[in-house]
Amino acid sequence: MCPNQTDHVMVMECYGVPEKIVRLIKAFYERTSMQICLYGELTESFKIKTGVRQGCIISPTIFNYAIDWVMDTAYRHSRSIQISPKRFTDLEYVGDVVLFADEI
């Protein structure tokens, strides 16, 4: 499930992103819509309410705030494993995450 764009804004506010920047990002995502070309014809326009824009220069930053919040929340309930001499609670690479836990 993708967080909606309001969630992204709330996470950035919680992390202390300046209000002016949060407002700019929020305005950038307001009234976002899309059309699909299907069999050479464009569909009706529909609103985009979740996720971040693919290929957008600020999308990785927004994603980093969101995934950081998710991981901070998950750490409170996670376990760690010993891979000598270090202990790990998770493994992360780009958009992939492995979280060690006793139960879901």
N, C-alpha and C. Protein backbone atom coordinates (compact mmCIF):
# COMPACT_ATOMS: atom_id res chain seq x y z
N MET A 1 0.84 -1.18 0.00
CA MET A 1 0.00 0.00 0.00
C MET A 1 0.89 1.24 0.00
N CYS A 2 0.61 2.18 -0.86
CA CYS A 2 1.35 3.44 -0.93
C CYS A 2 0.77 4.44 0.06
N PRO A 3 1.64 5.14 0.78
CA PRO A 3 1.11 6.22 1.60
C PRO A 3 0.53 7.31 0.70
N ASN A 4 -0.51 7.99 1.17
CA ASN A 4 -1.01 9.08 0.35
C ASN A 4 -0.12 10.30 0.52
N GLN A 5 -0.32 11.28 -0.34
CA GLN A 5 0.58 12.42 -0.36
C GLN A 5 0.48 13.25 0.92
N THR A 6 -0.65 13.22 1.60
CA THR A 6 -0.78 13.92 2.88
C THR A 6 0.14 13.30 3.91
N ASP A 7 0.28 11.96 3.90
CA ASP A 7 1.18 11.27 4.83
C ASP A 7 2.61 11.74 4.63
N HIS A 8 3.04 11.89 3.39
CA HIS A 8 4.41 12.33 3.11
C HIS A 8 4.65 13.71 3.72
N VAL A 9 3.69 14.60 3.57
CA VAL A 9 3.81 15.95 4.11
C VAL A 9 3.89 15.90 5.63
N MET A 10 3.04 15.09 6.27
CA MET A 10 3.05 14.98 7.73
C MET A 10 4.38 14.44 8.23
N VAL A 11 4.96 13.46 7.53
CA VAL A 11 6.25 12.91 7.93
C VAL A 11 7.33 13.99 7.84
N MET A 12 7.33 14.75 6.76
CA MET A 12 8.33 15.81 6.61
C MET A 12 8.17 16.87 7.69
N GLU A 13 6.94 17.19 8.06
CA GLU A 13 6.70 18.15 9.14
C GLU A 13 7.25 17.60 10.46
N CYS A 14 7.04 16.31 10.72
CA CYS A 14 7.53 15.68 11.95
C CYS A 14 9.06 15.71 12.03
N TYR A 15 9.71 15.62 10.89
CA TYR A 15 11.17 15.64 10.85
C TYR A 15 11.75 17.05 10.80
N GLY A 16 10.89 18.05 10.90
CA GLY A 16 11.37 19.42 11.00
C GLY A 16 11.73 20.10 9.69
N VAL A 17 11.21 19.59 8.57
CA VAL A 17 11.43 20.27 7.29
C VAL A 17 10.76 21.64 7.39
N PRO A 18 11.46 22.70 6.97
CA PRO A 18 10.87 24.04 7.08
C PRO A 18 9.50 24.13 6.41
N GLU A 19 8.61 24.87 7.07
CA GLU A 19 7.21 24.97 6.62
C GLU A 19 7.11 25.46 5.18
N LYS A 20 7.96 26.39 4.79
CA LYS A 20 7.92 26.92 3.42
C LYS A 20 8.18 25.82 2.39
N ILE A 21 9.14 24.96 2.67
CA ILE A 21 9.47 23.86 1.76
C ILE A 21 8.34 22.84 1.73
N VAL A 22 7.77 22.54 2.89
CA VAL A 22 6.64 21.61 2.95
C VAL A 22 5.47 22.15 2.12
N ARG A 23 5.20 23.44 2.25
CA ARG A 23 4.11 24.05 1.46
C ARG A 23 4.38 23.97 -0.04
N LEU A 24 5.64 24.19 -0.45
CA LEU A 24 5.99 24.09 -1.86
C LEU A 24 5.77 22.68 -2.39
N ILE A 25 6.21 21.68 -1.63
CA ILE A 25 6.05 20.28 -2.05
C ILE A 25 4.57 19.92 -2.09
N LYS A 26 3.83 20.36 -1.09
CA LYS A 26 2.39 20.09 -1.06
C LYS A 26 1.71 20.71 -2.29
N ALA A 27 2.06 21.94 -2.62
CA ALA A 27 1.47 22.61 -3.80
C ALA A 27 1.86 21.88 -5.08
N PHE A 28 3.06 21.35 -5.13
CA PHE A 28 3.55 20.63 -6.30
C PHE A 28 2.71 19.38 -6.56
N TYR A 29 2.21 18.76 -5.48
CA TYR A 29 1.44 17.53 -5.61
C TYR A 29 -0.08 17.74 -5.65
N GLU A 30 -0.55 18.95 -5.36
CA GLU A 30 -2.00 19.19 -5.39
C GLU A 30 -2.52 19.10 -6.82
N ARG A 31 -3.70 18.58 -6.93
CA ARG A 31 -4.40 18.48 -8.22
C ARG A 31 -3.57 17.75 -9.29
N THR A 32 -2.82 16.75 -8.88
CA THR A 32 -2.06 15.94 -9.83
C THR A 32 -3.02 14.97 -10.51
N SER A 33 -2.96 14.93 -11.83
CA SER A 33 -3.83 14.01 -12.57
C SER A 33 -3.04 13.32 -13.67
N MET A 34 -3.67 12.33 -14.28
CA MET A 34 -3.00 11.53 -15.29
C MET A 34 -4.00 11.03 -16.31
N GLN A 35 -3.50 10.72 -17.49
CA GLN A 35 -4.27 10.04 -18.53
C GLN A 35 -3.42 8.89 -19.05
N ILE A 36 -4.07 7.86 -19.54
CA ILE A 36 -3.38 6.70 -20.10
C ILE A 36 -3.74 6.59 -21.57
N CYS A 37 -2.74 6.29 -22.37
CA CYS A 37 -2.99 6.06 -23.79
C CYS A 37 -3.24 4.56 -23.97
N LEU A 38 -4.46 4.20 -24.35
CA LEU A 38 -4.87 2.81 -24.48
C LEU A 38 -5.41 2.59 -25.89
N TYR A 39 -4.75 1.74 -26.63
CA TYR A 39 -5.13 1.48 -28.02
C TYR A 39 -5.17 2.77 -28.84
N GLY A 40 -4.19 3.64 -28.59
CA GLY A 40 -4.09 4.88 -29.35
C GLY A 40 -5.03 5.99 -28.91
N GLU A 41 -5.84 5.74 -27.90
CA GLU A 41 -6.79 6.74 -27.40
C GLU A 41 -6.45 7.10 -25.95
N LEU A 42 -6.62 8.37 -25.60
CA LEU A 42 -6.40 8.80 -24.22
C LEU A 42 -7.65 8.55 -23.38
N THR A 43 -7.42 8.00 -22.19
CA THR A 43 -8.54 7.82 -21.25
C THR A 43 -8.91 9.17 -20.65
N GLU A 44 -10.00 9.17 -19.90
CA GLU A 44 -10.35 10.38 -19.16
C GLU A 44 -9.29 10.61 -18.09
N SER A 45 -9.11 11.85 -17.73
CA SER A 45 -8.15 12.22 -16.70
C SER A 45 -8.63 11.71 -15.34
N PHE A 46 -7.69 11.26 -14.51
CA PHE A 46 -8.04 10.85 -13.15
C PHE A 46 -6.98 11.37 -12.19
N LYS A 47 -7.39 11.56 -10.92
CA LYS A 47 -6.51 12.14 -9.90
C LYS A 47 -5.52 11.11 -9.38
N ILE A 48 -4.32 11.58 -9.09
CA ILE A 48 -3.29 10.76 -8.44
C ILE A 48 -3.25 11.20 -6.98
N LYS A 49 -3.49 10.25 -6.07
CA LYS A 49 -3.56 10.59 -4.64
C LYS A 49 -2.49 9.90 -3.81
N THR A 50 -1.72 8.98 -4.41
CA THR A 50 -0.72 8.25 -3.64
C THR A 50 0.63 8.29 -4.34
N GLY A 51 1.66 7.99 -3.56
CA GLY A 51 3.00 7.85 -4.12
C GLY A 51 3.67 9.17 -4.44
N VAL A 52 4.84 9.04 -5.07
CA VAL A 52 5.61 10.21 -5.51
C VAL A 52 5.78 10.13 -7.01
N ARG A 53 6.10 11.24 -7.62
CA ARG A 53 6.24 11.29 -9.08
C ARG A 53 7.49 10.53 -9.52
N GLN A 54 7.31 9.63 -10.47
CA GLN A 54 8.42 8.85 -11.02
C GLN A 54 9.35 9.78 -11.79
N GLY A 55 10.65 9.72 -11.49
CA GLY A 55 11.62 10.52 -12.21
C GLY A 55 11.74 11.96 -11.73
N CYS A 56 10.94 12.35 -10.76
CA CYS A 56 10.98 13.72 -10.24
C CYS A 56 12.22 13.89 -9.35
N ILE A 57 12.86 15.04 -9.45
CA ILE A 57 14.10 15.27 -8.72
C ILE A 57 13.90 15.25 -7.19
N ILE A 58 12.71 15.58 -6.69
CA ILE A 58 12.50 15.57 -5.24
C ILE A 58 11.93 14.25 -4.72
N SER A 59 11.54 13.35 -5.61
CA SER A 59 10.95 12.07 -5.18
C SER A 59 11.86 11.25 -4.27
N PRO A 60 13.18 11.12 -4.57
CA PRO A 60 14.03 10.35 -3.66
C PRO A 60 14.09 10.94 -2.26
N THR A 61 14.08 12.25 -2.15
CA THR A 61 14.11 12.90 -0.83
C THR A 61 12.82 12.62 -0.07
N ILE A 62 11.69 12.74 -0.75
CA ILE A 62 10.40 12.45 -0.12
C ILE A 62 10.36 10.98 0.31
N PHE A 63 10.83 10.08 -0.56
CA PHE A 63 10.87 8.66 -0.23
C PHE A 63 11.76 8.42 0.99
N ASN A 64 12.93 9.08 1.05
CA ASN A 64 13.84 8.89 2.18
C ASN A 64 13.19 9.28 3.50
N TYR A 65 12.45 10.38 3.52
CA TYR A 65 11.74 10.76 4.75
C TYR A 65 10.71 9.70 5.12
N ALA A 66 9.97 9.23 4.13
CA ALA A 66 8.92 8.24 4.39
C ALA A 66 9.51 6.92 4.89
N ILE A 67 10.54 6.41 4.21
CA ILE A 67 11.12 5.12 4.61
C ILE A 67 11.83 5.24 5.96
N ASP A 68 12.42 6.39 6.25
CA ASP A 68 13.05 6.60 7.54
C ASP A 68 12.01 6.51 8.66
N TRP A 69 10.84 7.10 8.44
CA TRP A 69 9.77 7.03 9.43
C TRP A 69 9.29 5.58 9.60
N VAL A 70 9.11 4.88 8.49
CA VAL A 70 8.68 3.47 8.54
C VAL A 70 9.69 2.65 9.33
N MET A 71 10.98 2.83 9.03
CA MET A 71 12.01 2.03 9.71
C MET A 71 12.10 2.40 11.19
N ASP A 72 12.01 3.68 11.53
CA ASP A 72 12.01 4.07 12.94
C ASP A 72 10.86 3.41 13.69
N THR A 73 9.69 3.37 13.08
CA THR A 73 8.53 2.73 13.69
C THR A 73 8.76 1.23 13.83
N ALA A 74 9.31 0.61 12.80
CA ALA A 74 9.55 -0.83 12.82
C ALA A 74 10.62 -1.22 13.83
N TYR A 75 11.64 -0.39 14.01
CA TYR A 75 12.71 -0.71 14.96
C TYR A 75 12.19 -0.92 16.37
N ARG A 76 11.13 -0.24 16.71
CA ARG A 76 10.58 -0.38 18.06
C ARG A 76 10.08 -1.79 18.34
N HIS A 77 9.79 -2.55 17.27
CA HIS A 77 9.22 -3.89 17.43
C HIS A 77 10.09 -4.96 16.79
N SER A 78 11.31 -4.61 16.44
CA SER A 78 12.14 -5.57 15.70
C SER A 78 13.13 -6.28 16.61
N ARG A 79 13.70 -7.31 16.07
CA ARG A 79 14.77 -8.06 16.73
C ARG A 79 16.04 -7.79 15.97
N SER A 80 17.13 -8.27 16.48
CA SER A 80 18.39 -8.15 15.75
C SER A 80 19.01 -9.53 15.63
N ILE A 81 19.93 -9.68 14.68
CA ILE A 81 20.68 -10.92 14.55
C ILE A 81 22.17 -10.59 14.63
N GLN A 82 22.91 -11.53 15.15
CA GLN A 82 24.36 -11.36 15.29
C GLN A 82 25.05 -11.89 14.05
N ILE A 83 25.77 -11.03 13.36
CA ILE A 83 26.65 -11.44 12.27
C ILE A 83 28.00 -10.90 12.68
N SER A 84 28.78 -11.78 13.29
CA SER A 84 29.94 -11.36 14.07
C SER A 84 30.74 -10.28 13.39
N PRO A 85 31.21 -9.31 14.13
CA PRO A 85 30.90 -9.01 15.54
C PRO A 85 29.74 -8.02 15.66
N LYS A 86 29.03 -7.76 14.60
CA LYS A 86 27.98 -6.74 14.61
C LYS A 86 26.59 -7.34 14.74
N ARG A 87 25.65 -6.53 15.26
CA ARG A 87 24.24 -6.91 15.34
C ARG A 87 23.46 -6.09 14.33
N PHE A 88 22.52 -6.72 13.64
CA PHE A 88 21.71 -6.05 12.63
C PHE A 88 20.22 -6.20 12.96
N THR A 89 19.48 -5.12 12.78
CA THR A 89 18.03 -5.18 12.93
C THR A 89 17.36 -5.22 11.56
N ASP A 90 18.10 -4.80 10.53
CA ASP A 90 17.54 -4.78 9.18
C ASP A 90 18.66 -4.70 8.16
N LEU A 91 18.31 -4.98 6.92
CA LEU A 91 19.20 -4.80 5.78
C LEU A 91 18.45 -3.93 4.78
N GLU A 92 19.11 -2.88 4.28
CA GLU A 92 18.45 -1.97 3.35
C GLU A 92 19.34 -1.75 2.13
N TYR A 93 18.73 -1.73 0.96
CA TYR A 93 19.43 -1.38 -0.26
C TYR A 93 18.44 -0.72 -1.21
N VAL A 94 18.68 0.51 -1.56
CA VAL A 94 17.81 1.33 -2.40
C VAL A 94 16.39 1.25 -1.86
N GLY A 95 15.45 0.63 -2.56
CA GLY A 95 14.06 0.57 -2.10
C GLY A 95 13.71 -0.76 -1.47
N ASP A 96 14.70 -1.63 -1.24
CA ASP A 96 14.44 -2.95 -0.68
C ASP A 96 14.83 -2.98 0.79
N VAL A 97 13.99 -3.59 1.62
CA VAL A 97 14.24 -3.65 3.05
C VAL A 97 13.94 -5.05 3.55
N VAL A 98 14.84 -5.59 4.38
CA VAL A 98 14.59 -6.83 5.12
C VAL A 98 14.62 -6.44 6.59
N LEU A 99 13.52 -6.70 7.29
CA LEU A 99 13.42 -6.37 8.71
C LEU A 99 13.31 -7.67 9.49
N PHE A 100 14.13 -7.84 10.51
CA PHE A 100 14.12 -9.05 11.31
C PHE A 100 13.11 -8.89 12.45
N ALA A 101 12.15 -9.82 12.54
CA ALA A 101 11.11 -9.73 13.56
C ALA A 101 10.65 -11.12 13.95
N ASP A 102 10.10 -11.25 15.16
CA ASP A 102 9.54 -12.51 15.63
C ASP A 102 8.18 -12.79 15.01
N GLU A 103 7.41 -11.74 14.79
CA GLU A 103 6.07 -11.88 14.23
C GLU A 103 5.72 -10.64 13.44
N ILE A 104 4.68 -10.75 12.64
CA ILE A 104 4.25 -9.61 11.82
C ILE A 104 3.14 -8.88 12.53
